N, C-alpha and C. Protein backbone atom coordinates (compact mmCIF):
# COMPACT_ATOMS: atom_id res chain seq x y z
N MET A 1 -4.85 9.00 -26.56
CA MET A 1 -5.16 10.18 -25.77
C MET A 1 -3.86 10.85 -25.35
N GLN A 2 -3.80 12.14 -25.49
CA GLN A 2 -2.64 12.91 -25.09
C GLN A 2 -2.50 12.90 -23.56
N LEU A 3 -1.26 13.05 -23.09
CA LEU A 3 -1.05 13.06 -21.65
C LEU A 3 -1.75 14.25 -20.99
N SER A 4 -1.83 15.36 -21.69
CA SER A 4 -2.54 16.52 -21.12
C SER A 4 -4.02 16.19 -20.93
N ASP A 5 -4.60 15.41 -21.84
CA ASP A 5 -6.00 15.00 -21.70
C ASP A 5 -6.16 14.03 -20.53
N ARG A 6 -5.19 13.14 -20.37
CA ARG A 6 -5.26 12.21 -19.24
C ARG A 6 -5.20 12.96 -17.92
N GLN A 7 -4.31 13.96 -17.85
CA GLN A 7 -4.21 14.74 -16.62
C GLN A 7 -5.52 15.46 -16.33
N GLN A 8 -6.11 16.05 -17.36
CA GLN A 8 -7.35 16.78 -17.17
C GLN A 8 -8.46 15.83 -16.71
N GLU A 9 -8.47 14.63 -17.24
CA GLU A 9 -9.46 13.63 -16.83
C GLU A 9 -9.32 13.31 -15.34
N ILE A 10 -8.08 13.15 -14.88
CA ILE A 10 -7.83 12.89 -13.45
C ILE A 10 -8.31 14.07 -12.61
N ILE A 11 -7.97 15.27 -13.04
CA ILE A 11 -8.37 16.48 -12.30
C ILE A 11 -9.89 16.57 -12.24
N ASP A 12 -10.55 16.33 -13.37
CA ASP A 12 -12.01 16.41 -13.42
C ASP A 12 -12.66 15.40 -12.48
N GLU A 13 -12.13 14.20 -12.41
CA GLU A 13 -12.69 13.18 -11.52
C GLU A 13 -12.66 13.62 -10.07
N PHE A 14 -11.57 14.23 -9.65
CA PHE A 14 -11.43 14.63 -8.26
C PHE A 14 -12.31 15.84 -7.93
N GLN A 15 -12.77 16.57 -8.94
CA GLN A 15 -13.65 17.72 -8.71
C GLN A 15 -15.01 17.29 -8.16
N PHE A 16 -15.36 16.01 -8.35
CA PHE A 16 -16.65 15.51 -7.86
C PHE A 16 -16.70 15.40 -6.34
N PHE A 17 -15.54 15.40 -5.70
CA PHE A 17 -15.49 15.17 -4.26
C PHE A 17 -15.35 16.49 -3.51
N ASP A 18 -16.19 16.65 -2.49
CA ASP A 18 -16.19 17.89 -1.72
C ASP A 18 -15.15 17.90 -0.61
N SER A 19 -14.92 16.75 -0.01
CA SER A 19 -14.03 16.71 1.15
C SER A 19 -12.76 15.91 0.84
N TRP A 20 -11.73 16.18 1.63
CA TRP A 20 -10.49 15.42 1.46
C TRP A 20 -10.65 13.99 1.93
N MET A 21 -11.55 13.74 2.84
CA MET A 21 -11.79 12.36 3.25
C MET A 21 -12.31 11.56 2.06
N ASP A 22 -13.21 12.16 1.28
CA ASP A 22 -13.72 11.48 0.09
C ASP A 22 -12.63 11.30 -0.95
N LYS A 23 -11.76 12.28 -1.10
CA LYS A 23 -10.65 12.18 -2.06
C LYS A 23 -9.67 11.09 -1.64
N TYR A 24 -9.37 11.02 -0.35
CA TYR A 24 -8.49 9.95 0.14
C TYR A 24 -9.12 8.58 -0.11
N GLN A 25 -10.42 8.48 0.14
CA GLN A 25 -11.09 7.20 -0.09
C GLN A 25 -11.04 6.82 -1.57
N TYR A 26 -11.20 7.79 -2.44
CA TYR A 26 -11.11 7.53 -3.87
C TYR A 26 -9.70 7.06 -4.24
N LEU A 27 -8.68 7.69 -3.66
CA LEU A 27 -7.30 7.25 -3.90
C LEU A 27 -7.13 5.79 -3.47
N ILE A 28 -7.65 5.46 -2.31
CA ILE A 28 -7.55 4.09 -1.80
C ILE A 28 -8.26 3.13 -2.76
N ASP A 29 -9.44 3.52 -3.23
CA ASP A 29 -10.18 2.68 -4.18
C ASP A 29 -9.39 2.48 -5.47
N LEU A 30 -8.76 3.54 -5.96
CA LEU A 30 -7.94 3.42 -7.18
C LEU A 30 -6.79 2.45 -6.96
N GLY A 31 -6.20 2.51 -5.80
CA GLY A 31 -5.09 1.61 -5.48
C GLY A 31 -5.50 0.15 -5.49
N HIS A 32 -6.74 -0.12 -5.09
CA HIS A 32 -7.23 -1.51 -5.10
C HIS A 32 -7.37 -2.05 -6.51
N GLU A 33 -7.45 -1.16 -7.50
CA GLU A 33 -7.62 -1.58 -8.89
C GLU A 33 -6.30 -1.85 -9.61
N LEU A 34 -5.18 -1.59 -8.95
CA LEU A 34 -3.89 -1.82 -9.59
C LEU A 34 -3.69 -3.30 -9.93
N GLU A 35 -3.05 -3.52 -11.06
CA GLU A 35 -2.68 -4.88 -11.44
C GLU A 35 -1.63 -5.37 -10.44
N PRO A 36 -1.84 -6.51 -9.83
CA PRO A 36 -0.86 -6.98 -8.84
C PRO A 36 0.46 -7.37 -9.50
N LEU A 37 1.52 -7.20 -8.74
CA LEU A 37 2.82 -7.68 -9.16
C LEU A 37 3.02 -9.08 -8.61
N THR A 38 3.80 -9.87 -9.30
CA THR A 38 4.11 -11.20 -8.79
C THR A 38 5.10 -11.07 -7.64
N GLU A 39 5.20 -12.10 -6.84
CA GLU A 39 6.17 -12.08 -5.74
C GLU A 39 7.59 -11.95 -6.28
N GLU A 40 7.86 -12.53 -7.45
CA GLU A 40 9.19 -12.42 -8.07
C GLU A 40 9.50 -10.98 -8.45
N GLU A 41 8.47 -10.22 -8.83
CA GLU A 41 8.68 -8.82 -9.22
C GLU A 41 8.90 -7.91 -8.01
N LYS A 42 8.49 -8.36 -6.85
CA LYS A 42 8.69 -7.59 -5.63
C LYS A 42 10.09 -7.88 -5.09
N ASN A 43 11.08 -7.43 -5.85
CA ASN A 43 12.47 -7.68 -5.50
C ASN A 43 13.23 -6.37 -5.34
N GLU A 44 14.47 -6.47 -4.91
CA GLU A 44 15.30 -5.30 -4.63
C GLU A 44 15.51 -4.42 -5.86
N ASN A 45 15.61 -5.03 -7.04
CA ASN A 45 15.81 -4.25 -8.26
C ASN A 45 14.61 -3.36 -8.58
N ASN A 46 13.44 -3.76 -8.16
CA ASN A 46 12.22 -3.01 -8.47
C ASN A 46 11.75 -2.09 -7.34
N VAL A 47 12.45 -2.11 -6.22
CA VAL A 47 12.08 -1.24 -5.11
C VAL A 47 12.38 0.21 -5.48
N VAL A 48 11.44 1.09 -5.16
CA VAL A 48 11.66 2.52 -5.36
C VAL A 48 12.25 3.07 -4.08
N ARG A 49 13.46 3.53 -4.16
CA ARG A 49 14.15 4.10 -3.00
C ARG A 49 13.59 5.49 -2.70
N GLY A 50 13.53 5.83 -1.43
CA GLY A 50 13.03 7.14 -1.04
C GLY A 50 11.59 7.11 -0.59
N CYS A 51 10.95 5.97 -0.68
CA CYS A 51 9.58 5.82 -0.21
C CYS A 51 9.62 5.19 1.18
N GLN A 52 8.83 5.72 2.10
CA GLN A 52 8.79 5.15 3.43
C GLN A 52 8.10 3.79 3.41
N SER A 53 7.02 3.69 2.64
CA SER A 53 6.37 2.40 2.49
C SER A 53 7.07 1.62 1.38
N GLN A 54 6.75 0.36 1.26
CA GLN A 54 7.34 -0.46 0.20
C GLN A 54 6.65 -0.13 -1.11
N VAL A 55 7.44 0.21 -2.12
CA VAL A 55 6.92 0.47 -3.46
C VAL A 55 7.82 -0.26 -4.45
N TRP A 56 7.16 -1.00 -5.33
CA TRP A 56 7.88 -1.71 -6.39
C TRP A 56 7.36 -1.20 -7.72
N MET A 57 8.29 -0.96 -8.67
CA MET A 57 7.91 -0.45 -9.98
C MET A 57 8.61 -1.26 -11.05
N VAL A 58 7.83 -1.67 -12.05
CA VAL A 58 8.35 -2.41 -13.20
C VAL A 58 8.03 -1.58 -14.44
N VAL A 59 9.06 -1.19 -15.16
CA VAL A 59 8.91 -0.42 -16.38
C VAL A 59 9.31 -1.32 -17.55
N ASP A 60 8.38 -1.55 -18.47
CA ASP A 60 8.62 -2.42 -19.62
C ASP A 60 8.35 -1.65 -20.90
N GLY A 61 8.71 -2.28 -22.01
CA GLY A 61 8.43 -1.71 -23.31
C GLY A 61 9.68 -1.13 -23.94
N ASP A 62 9.45 -0.18 -24.83
CA ASP A 62 10.56 0.48 -25.51
C ASP A 62 10.27 1.98 -25.51
N ALA A 63 11.14 2.73 -26.17
CA ALA A 63 11.00 4.19 -26.14
C ALA A 63 9.69 4.68 -26.74
N ALA A 64 9.10 3.90 -27.63
CA ALA A 64 7.85 4.31 -28.27
C ALA A 64 6.62 4.00 -27.45
N ASN A 65 6.71 3.01 -26.57
CA ASN A 65 5.53 2.57 -25.82
C ASN A 65 5.98 1.97 -24.48
N VAL A 66 5.84 2.75 -23.45
CA VAL A 66 6.29 2.36 -22.11
C VAL A 66 5.11 1.84 -21.30
N THR A 67 5.29 0.70 -20.67
CA THR A 67 4.27 0.15 -19.78
C THR A 67 4.81 0.20 -18.36
N ILE A 68 3.97 0.68 -17.47
CA ILE A 68 4.36 0.83 -16.06
C ILE A 68 3.40 0.01 -15.22
N ARG A 69 3.99 -0.81 -14.37
CA ARG A 69 3.21 -1.53 -13.36
C ARG A 69 3.91 -1.29 -12.05
N ALA A 70 3.13 -1.04 -11.03
CA ALA A 70 3.72 -0.77 -9.72
C ALA A 70 2.71 -1.11 -8.65
N ASN A 71 3.22 -1.27 -7.44
CA ASN A 71 2.37 -1.59 -6.31
C ASN A 71 3.05 -1.16 -5.03
N SER A 72 2.26 -1.10 -3.97
CA SER A 72 2.76 -0.70 -2.67
C SER A 72 2.05 -1.48 -1.59
N ASP A 73 2.64 -1.46 -0.41
CA ASP A 73 2.01 -2.09 0.75
C ASP A 73 1.16 -1.09 1.53
N ALA A 74 1.05 0.15 1.02
CA ALA A 74 0.27 1.19 1.70
C ALA A 74 -0.89 1.64 0.81
N ALA A 75 -2.05 1.82 1.38
CA ALA A 75 -3.28 2.08 0.63
C ALA A 75 -3.26 3.39 -0.14
N ILE A 76 -2.95 4.50 0.53
CA ILE A 76 -2.96 5.79 -0.17
C ILE A 76 -1.84 5.86 -1.19
N VAL A 77 -0.69 5.30 -0.86
CA VAL A 77 0.42 5.27 -1.81
C VAL A 77 0.03 4.47 -3.05
N SER A 78 -0.69 3.38 -2.86
CA SER A 78 -1.16 2.61 -4.00
C SER A 78 -2.07 3.46 -4.89
N GLY A 79 -2.87 4.31 -4.30
CA GLY A 79 -3.71 5.21 -5.08
C GLY A 79 -2.89 6.21 -5.86
N LEU A 80 -1.83 6.73 -5.25
CA LEU A 80 -0.93 7.65 -5.96
C LEU A 80 -0.27 6.93 -7.13
N ILE A 81 0.13 5.69 -6.89
CA ILE A 81 0.72 4.87 -7.96
C ILE A 81 -0.28 4.72 -9.10
N ALA A 82 -1.53 4.45 -8.76
CA ALA A 82 -2.56 4.28 -9.78
C ALA A 82 -2.67 5.52 -10.66
N LEU A 83 -2.56 6.70 -10.06
CA LEU A 83 -2.61 7.93 -10.84
C LEU A 83 -1.40 8.06 -11.76
N VAL A 84 -0.23 7.73 -11.25
CA VAL A 84 1.00 7.79 -12.05
C VAL A 84 0.91 6.80 -13.21
N VAL A 85 0.48 5.58 -12.93
CA VAL A 85 0.35 4.56 -13.97
C VAL A 85 -0.67 5.01 -15.01
N ARG A 86 -1.77 5.53 -14.55
CA ARG A 86 -2.83 5.97 -15.47
C ARG A 86 -2.35 7.10 -16.38
N LEU A 87 -1.59 8.03 -15.83
CA LEU A 87 -1.11 9.15 -16.62
C LEU A 87 -0.05 8.71 -17.63
N TYR A 88 0.94 7.95 -17.20
CA TYR A 88 2.12 7.73 -18.02
C TYR A 88 2.16 6.40 -18.79
N SER A 89 1.46 5.38 -18.33
CA SER A 89 1.58 4.08 -18.99
C SER A 89 1.01 4.15 -20.41
N LYS A 90 1.66 3.46 -21.31
CA LYS A 90 1.30 3.41 -22.74
C LYS A 90 1.65 4.70 -23.48
N ALA A 91 2.50 5.53 -22.90
CA ALA A 91 3.00 6.74 -23.56
C ALA A 91 4.42 6.47 -24.04
N SER A 92 4.94 7.36 -24.83
CA SER A 92 6.34 7.22 -25.26
C SER A 92 7.25 7.71 -24.13
N ALA A 93 8.47 7.24 -24.14
CA ALA A 93 9.44 7.66 -23.13
C ALA A 93 9.65 9.17 -23.19
N GLU A 94 9.69 9.72 -24.39
CA GLU A 94 9.89 11.17 -24.53
C GLU A 94 8.73 11.95 -23.91
N GLU A 95 7.49 11.48 -24.14
CA GLU A 95 6.32 12.14 -23.55
C GLU A 95 6.40 12.08 -22.02
N ILE A 96 6.81 10.95 -21.50
CA ILE A 96 6.90 10.79 -20.05
C ILE A 96 7.90 11.77 -19.47
N ILE A 97 9.05 11.87 -20.10
CA ILE A 97 10.09 12.76 -19.59
C ILE A 97 9.65 14.23 -19.67
N LYS A 98 8.95 14.59 -20.73
CA LYS A 98 8.56 15.99 -20.94
C LYS A 98 7.33 16.41 -20.14
N THR A 99 6.52 15.46 -19.71
CA THR A 99 5.24 15.80 -19.06
C THR A 99 5.38 15.78 -17.54
N GLU A 100 5.25 16.95 -16.97
CA GLU A 100 5.27 17.05 -15.51
C GLU A 100 3.89 16.65 -14.97
N PRO A 101 3.86 16.07 -13.79
CA PRO A 101 2.58 15.65 -13.20
C PRO A 101 1.82 16.84 -12.61
N GLU A 102 1.25 17.64 -13.48
CA GLU A 102 0.55 18.86 -13.05
C GLU A 102 -0.68 18.56 -12.20
N PHE A 103 -1.20 17.35 -12.31
CA PHE A 103 -2.38 16.99 -11.51
C PHE A 103 -2.09 17.07 -10.02
N VAL A 104 -0.84 16.87 -9.62
CA VAL A 104 -0.48 16.89 -8.19
C VAL A 104 -0.81 18.25 -7.60
N GLU A 105 -0.39 19.29 -8.26
CA GLU A 105 -0.66 20.65 -7.79
C GLU A 105 -2.13 21.01 -8.00
N ALA A 106 -2.68 20.66 -9.16
CA ALA A 106 -4.07 21.01 -9.48
C ALA A 106 -5.05 20.39 -8.49
N LEU A 107 -4.75 19.20 -8.00
CA LEU A 107 -5.64 18.54 -7.03
C LEU A 107 -5.40 19.00 -5.60
N GLY A 108 -4.29 19.69 -5.37
CA GLY A 108 -3.95 20.09 -4.02
C GLY A 108 -3.25 18.99 -3.24
N LEU A 109 -2.77 17.98 -3.95
CA LEU A 109 -2.10 16.87 -3.26
C LEU A 109 -0.86 17.34 -2.53
N SER A 110 -0.15 18.32 -3.09
CA SER A 110 1.09 18.77 -2.45
C SER A 110 0.81 19.37 -1.07
N GLN A 111 -0.38 19.92 -0.88
CA GLN A 111 -0.73 20.48 0.43
C GLN A 111 -1.35 19.44 1.37
N HIS A 112 -1.89 18.35 0.81
CA HIS A 112 -2.63 17.40 1.63
C HIS A 112 -1.93 16.06 1.85
N LEU A 113 -0.79 15.87 1.22
CA LEU A 113 -0.03 14.64 1.47
C LEU A 113 0.96 14.88 2.59
N SER A 114 1.20 13.87 3.37
CA SER A 114 2.23 13.98 4.38
C SER A 114 3.57 14.15 3.67
N PRO A 115 4.56 14.73 4.33
CA PRO A 115 5.88 14.89 3.69
C PRO A 115 6.47 13.56 3.21
N THR A 116 6.23 12.48 3.95
CA THR A 116 6.79 11.19 3.53
C THR A 116 6.11 10.68 2.27
N ARG A 117 4.79 10.88 2.15
CA ARG A 117 4.09 10.46 0.93
C ARG A 117 4.50 11.34 -0.25
N ALA A 118 4.65 12.63 -0.01
CA ALA A 118 5.07 13.55 -1.08
C ALA A 118 6.48 13.18 -1.57
N ASN A 119 7.36 12.86 -0.63
CA ASN A 119 8.72 12.43 -1.02
C ASN A 119 8.67 11.11 -1.79
N GLY A 120 7.81 10.21 -1.36
CA GLY A 120 7.66 8.94 -2.05
C GLY A 120 7.15 9.12 -3.48
N LEU A 121 6.18 10.01 -3.65
CA LEU A 121 5.67 10.30 -4.99
C LEU A 121 6.77 10.88 -5.85
N ALA A 122 7.53 11.81 -5.31
CA ALA A 122 8.65 12.40 -6.05
C ALA A 122 9.68 11.32 -6.43
N SER A 123 9.94 10.39 -5.53
CA SER A 123 10.89 9.30 -5.81
C SER A 123 10.37 8.40 -6.93
N MET A 124 9.06 8.11 -6.91
CA MET A 124 8.48 7.29 -7.98
C MET A 124 8.63 7.97 -9.33
N LEU A 125 8.33 9.26 -9.38
CA LEU A 125 8.42 10.00 -10.63
C LEU A 125 9.86 10.10 -11.12
N GLN A 126 10.77 10.31 -10.19
CA GLN A 126 12.19 10.38 -10.55
C GLN A 126 12.67 9.04 -11.12
N ARG A 127 12.30 7.97 -10.49
CA ARG A 127 12.67 6.64 -10.96
C ARG A 127 12.07 6.36 -12.34
N LEU A 128 10.81 6.70 -12.53
CA LEU A 128 10.15 6.50 -13.81
C LEU A 128 10.87 7.27 -14.91
N LYS A 129 11.19 8.50 -14.66
CA LYS A 129 11.85 9.31 -15.70
C LYS A 129 13.26 8.79 -15.97
N ALA A 130 13.95 8.31 -14.97
CA ALA A 130 15.28 7.73 -15.18
C ALA A 130 15.20 6.46 -16.03
N GLU A 131 14.22 5.61 -15.73
CA GLU A 131 14.10 4.37 -16.49
C GLU A 131 13.66 4.64 -17.93
N THR A 132 12.81 5.62 -18.13
CA THR A 132 12.41 5.93 -19.50
C THR A 132 13.55 6.57 -20.28
N ALA A 133 14.39 7.33 -19.61
CA ALA A 133 15.58 7.88 -20.27
C ALA A 133 16.50 6.75 -20.74
N GLN A 134 16.59 5.68 -19.94
CA GLN A 134 17.38 4.52 -20.34
C GLN A 134 16.78 3.84 -21.57
N LEU A 135 15.45 3.81 -21.67
CA LEU A 135 14.81 3.24 -22.85
C LEU A 135 15.15 4.05 -24.10
N ILE A 136 15.20 5.35 -23.96
CA ILE A 136 15.57 6.22 -25.08
C ILE A 136 17.02 5.96 -25.48
N ALA A 137 17.88 5.82 -24.49
CA ALA A 137 19.30 5.59 -24.78
C ALA A 137 19.51 4.25 -25.51
N LYS A 138 18.68 3.26 -25.22
CA LYS A 138 18.81 1.95 -25.87
C LYS A 138 18.30 1.97 -27.30
N SER A 139 17.45 2.93 -27.65
CA SER A 139 16.85 2.91 -28.98
C SER A 139 17.73 3.55 -30.04
């Protein structure tokens, strides 16, 4: 599935909800579905800087197929992570770098997230793109 199709799928899912309370609850539910990280993976090397809550991200694979696993100690942030993982995981590093997370604006998240959550999301995306650029450089 193309990343543009994945984004549209995310956008379509959120269209089912009338209120932001329902959308927040859906984000929280998505966060509960994240694959847990081991305690060993929750280390300083995997911490995403710039997030107010604790966020750990593990990027594996190679330039052709990137796998992303991440987790947080905050419920809504975990839901945001789930969206990022869903959009970008199993894509090529080049696709990840070229594809902006248009779902953020399309869903209205930029207007409804607190500044600290918005900064944290931006930090996650920046870290992901930096790590995928390193995968390209290694290939």
